[in-house]
Amino acid sequence: MNDDQKLEKLLTISQAAEILNVHPETLRRWDRAGKLKAIRIGQRQGGGDRRYRREDIKKLISTKSKYE
């Protein structure tokens, strides 16, 4: 599997926010807090685009629904 194929399996911050029904800034806060870690793509001096694994999103949803 090449790098392009790996990237296709990751969700952008907008896609993840839509699935979780939260604002993208919420995902940034969760990343800083360690609640939902992002993968940084094109990292440049602490920056870079955030991407999320579908499995991590699913895990967060299942954990969240246990406590609701």
N, C-alpha and C. Protein backbone atom coordinates (compact mmCIF):
# COMPACT_ATOMS: atom_id res chain seq x y z
N MET A 1 0.86 -1.18 0.00
CA MET A 1 0.00 0.00 0.00
C MET A 1 0.91 1.24 0.00
N ASN A 2 0.69 2.14 -0.95
CA ASN A 2 1.52 3.34 -1.00
C ASN A 2 0.93 4.46 -0.13
N ASP A 3 1.66 5.56 -0.03
CA ASP A 3 1.24 6.66 0.85
C ASP A 3 -0.11 7.25 0.44
N ASP A 4 -0.36 7.36 -0.87
CA ASP A 4 -1.64 7.92 -1.33
C ASP A 4 -2.81 7.04 -0.90
N GLN A 5 -2.64 5.73 -0.96
CA GLN A 5 -3.71 4.81 -0.54
C GLN A 5 -3.94 4.91 0.96
N LYS A 6 -2.87 5.08 1.73
CA LYS A 6 -3.02 5.23 3.18
C LYS A 6 -3.78 6.51 3.50
N LEU A 7 -3.48 7.61 2.80
CA LEU A 7 -4.16 8.87 3.06
C LEU A 7 -5.64 8.81 2.75
N GLU A 8 -6.01 8.02 1.73
CA GLU A 8 -7.42 7.90 1.36
C GLU A 8 -8.24 7.31 2.48
N LYS A 9 -7.63 6.50 3.33
CA LYS A 9 -8.36 5.85 4.41
C LYS A 9 -8.53 6.77 5.61
N LEU A 10 -7.84 7.90 5.62
CA LEU A 10 -7.95 8.85 6.72
C LEU A 10 -9.00 9.90 6.41
N LEU A 11 -9.65 10.38 7.47
CA LEU A 11 -10.67 11.42 7.32
C LEU A 11 -10.06 12.79 7.54
N THR A 12 -10.52 13.77 6.80
CA THR A 12 -10.10 15.14 7.04
C THR A 12 -10.79 15.63 8.32
N ILE A 13 -10.34 16.77 8.82
CA ILE A 13 -10.96 17.32 10.02
C ILE A 13 -12.43 17.66 9.76
N SER A 14 -12.74 18.13 8.56
CA SER A 14 -14.14 18.45 8.22
C SER A 14 -15.00 17.21 8.18
N GLN A 15 -14.49 16.14 7.59
CA GLN A 15 -15.25 14.89 7.52
C GLN A 15 -15.48 14.32 8.91
N ALA A 16 -14.44 14.31 9.74
CA ALA A 16 -14.57 13.78 11.10
C ALA A 16 -15.56 14.62 11.91
N ALA A 17 -15.48 15.94 11.77
CA ALA A 17 -16.38 16.83 12.50
C ALA A 17 -17.83 16.58 12.09
N GLU A 18 -18.06 16.36 10.81
CA GLU A 18 -19.42 16.10 10.34
C GLU A 18 -19.95 14.78 10.91
N ILE A 19 -19.13 13.75 10.90
CA ILE A 19 -19.55 12.45 11.43
C ILE A 19 -19.89 12.55 12.91
N LEU A 20 -19.05 13.29 13.66
CA LEU A 20 -19.24 13.41 15.10
C LEU A 20 -20.21 14.53 15.49
N ASN A 21 -20.63 15.30 14.50
CA ASN A 21 -21.56 16.41 14.73
C ASN A 21 -20.98 17.43 15.73
N VAL A 22 -19.71 17.78 15.49
CA VAL A 22 -19.04 18.79 16.30
C VAL A 22 -18.33 19.77 15.37
N HIS A 23 -17.91 20.89 15.91
CA HIS A 23 -17.17 21.89 15.15
C HIS A 23 -15.71 21.41 15.00
N PRO A 24 -15.06 21.72 13.89
CA PRO A 24 -13.65 21.34 13.73
C PRO A 24 -12.75 21.82 14.88
N GLU A 25 -13.04 22.95 15.45
CA GLU A 25 -12.24 23.44 16.59
C GLU A 25 -12.34 22.49 17.78
N THR A 26 -13.49 21.85 17.94
CA THR A 26 -13.65 20.85 19.00
C THR A 26 -12.67 19.71 18.80
N LEU A 27 -12.51 19.27 17.55
CA LEU A 27 -11.55 18.20 17.26
C LEU A 27 -10.12 18.65 17.56
N ARG A 28 -9.82 19.90 17.29
CA ARG A 28 -8.48 20.41 17.61
C ARG A 28 -8.24 20.38 19.12
N ARG A 29 -9.27 20.78 19.89
CA ARG A 29 -9.14 20.73 21.35
C ARG A 29 -8.99 19.30 21.84
N TRP A 30 -9.78 18.39 21.28
CA TRP A 30 -9.69 16.99 21.67
C TRP A 30 -8.31 16.42 21.36
N ASP A 31 -7.74 16.85 20.24
CA ASP A 31 -6.39 16.40 19.89
C ASP A 31 -5.38 16.89 20.92
N ARG A 32 -5.44 18.16 21.28
CA ARG A 32 -4.52 18.71 22.28
C ARG A 32 -4.71 18.03 23.64
N ALA A 33 -5.95 17.66 23.96
CA ALA A 33 -6.24 17.03 25.25
C ALA A 33 -5.99 15.51 25.24
N GLY A 34 -5.77 14.94 24.05
CA GLY A 34 -5.53 13.51 23.96
C GLY A 34 -6.78 12.67 23.86
N LYS A 35 -7.94 13.29 23.72
CA LYS A 35 -9.20 12.55 23.64
C LYS A 35 -9.34 11.84 22.29
N LEU A 36 -8.94 12.50 21.23
CA LEU A 36 -8.98 11.93 19.88
C LEU A 36 -7.74 12.43 19.15
N LYS A 37 -6.73 11.60 19.08
CA LYS A 37 -5.47 12.01 18.49
C LYS A 37 -5.56 12.07 16.97
N ALA A 38 -4.97 13.12 16.43
CA ALA A 38 -4.93 13.31 14.99
C ALA A 38 -3.57 12.87 14.46
N ILE A 39 -3.56 12.54 13.19
CA ILE A 39 -2.33 12.25 12.48
C ILE A 39 -2.02 13.50 11.68
N ARG A 40 -0.81 14.00 11.82
CA ARG A 40 -0.44 15.22 11.10
C ARG A 40 0.16 14.86 9.74
N ILE A 41 -0.34 15.53 8.71
CA ILE A 41 0.10 15.33 7.34
C ILE A 41 0.75 16.63 6.87
N GLY A 42 1.90 16.51 6.23
CA GLY A 42 2.57 17.71 5.74
C GLY A 42 3.04 18.60 6.87
N GLN A 43 3.56 17.98 7.90
CA GLN A 43 3.93 18.71 9.12
C GLN A 43 5.01 19.74 8.83
N ARG A 44 4.79 20.93 9.36
CA ARG A 44 5.74 22.02 9.21
C ARG A 44 5.76 22.82 10.50
N GLN A 45 6.84 22.80 11.20
CA GLN A 45 7.03 23.54 12.45
C GLN A 45 5.81 23.48 13.37
N GLY A 46 5.42 22.27 13.72
CA GLY A 46 4.31 22.10 14.64
C GLY A 46 2.94 22.19 14.00
N GLY A 47 2.88 22.42 12.70
CA GLY A 47 1.60 22.54 12.01
C GLY A 47 1.29 21.29 11.21
N GLY A 48 0.62 21.47 10.12
CA GLY A 48 0.25 20.35 9.26
C GLY A 48 -1.24 20.07 9.37
N ASP A 49 -1.75 19.44 8.35
CA ASP A 49 -3.17 19.10 8.32
C ASP A 49 -3.43 17.92 9.24
N ARG A 50 -4.55 17.97 9.93
CA ARG A 50 -4.95 16.86 10.79
C ARG A 50 -5.79 15.87 9.99
N ARG A 51 -5.53 14.59 10.23
CA ARG A 51 -6.33 13.52 9.65
C ARG A 51 -6.69 12.57 10.79
N TYR A 52 -7.79 11.86 10.61
CA TYR A 52 -8.30 10.98 11.66
C TYR A 52 -8.57 9.60 11.09
N ARG A 53 -8.28 8.59 11.88
CA ARG A 53 -8.57 7.20 11.48
C ARG A 53 -10.05 6.91 11.71
N ARG A 54 -10.65 6.24 10.76
CA ARG A 54 -12.07 5.86 10.90
C ARG A 54 -12.28 5.01 12.15
N GLU A 55 -11.31 4.13 12.43
CA GLU A 55 -11.42 3.25 13.59
C GLU A 55 -11.47 4.07 14.89
N ASP A 56 -10.67 5.13 14.96
CA ASP A 56 -10.66 5.98 16.16
C ASP A 56 -11.99 6.72 16.33
N ILE A 57 -12.56 7.14 15.21
CA ILE A 57 -13.87 7.81 15.24
C ILE A 57 -14.93 6.83 15.75
N LYS A 58 -14.92 5.62 15.20
CA LYS A 58 -15.89 4.61 15.62
C LYS A 58 -15.75 4.28 17.10
N LYS A 59 -14.51 4.17 17.57
CA LYS A 59 -14.26 3.87 18.97
C LYS A 59 -14.80 4.99 19.86
N LEU A 60 -14.59 6.23 19.46
CA LEU A 60 -15.08 7.36 20.23
C LEU A 60 -16.61 7.36 20.28
N ILE A 61 -17.24 7.06 19.17
CA ILE A 61 -18.71 7.01 19.11
C ILE A 61 -19.23 5.92 20.03
N SER A 62 -18.61 4.75 20.00
CA SER A 62 -19.10 3.65 20.84
C SER A 62 -18.87 3.95 22.32
N THR A 63 -17.77 4.58 22.65
CA THR A 63 -17.49 4.96 24.04
C THR A 63 -18.49 6.01 24.50
N LYS A 64 -18.73 6.98 23.63
CA LYS A 64 -19.66 8.08 23.96
C LYS A 64 -21.07 7.53 24.19
N SER A 65 -21.51 6.60 23.36
CA SER A 65 -22.88 6.09 23.48
C SER A 65 -23.06 5.23 24.73
N LYS A 66 -21.98 4.68 25.28
CA LYS A 66 -22.08 3.91 26.52
C LYS A 66 -22.44 4.79 27.70
N TYR A 67 -22.05 6.05 27.65
CA TYR A 67 -22.25 6.95 28.78
C TYR A 67 -23.45 7.87 28.61
N GLU A 68 -24.17 7.73 27.52
CA GLU A 68 -25.34 8.59 27.31
C GLU A 68 -26.60 7.88 27.77
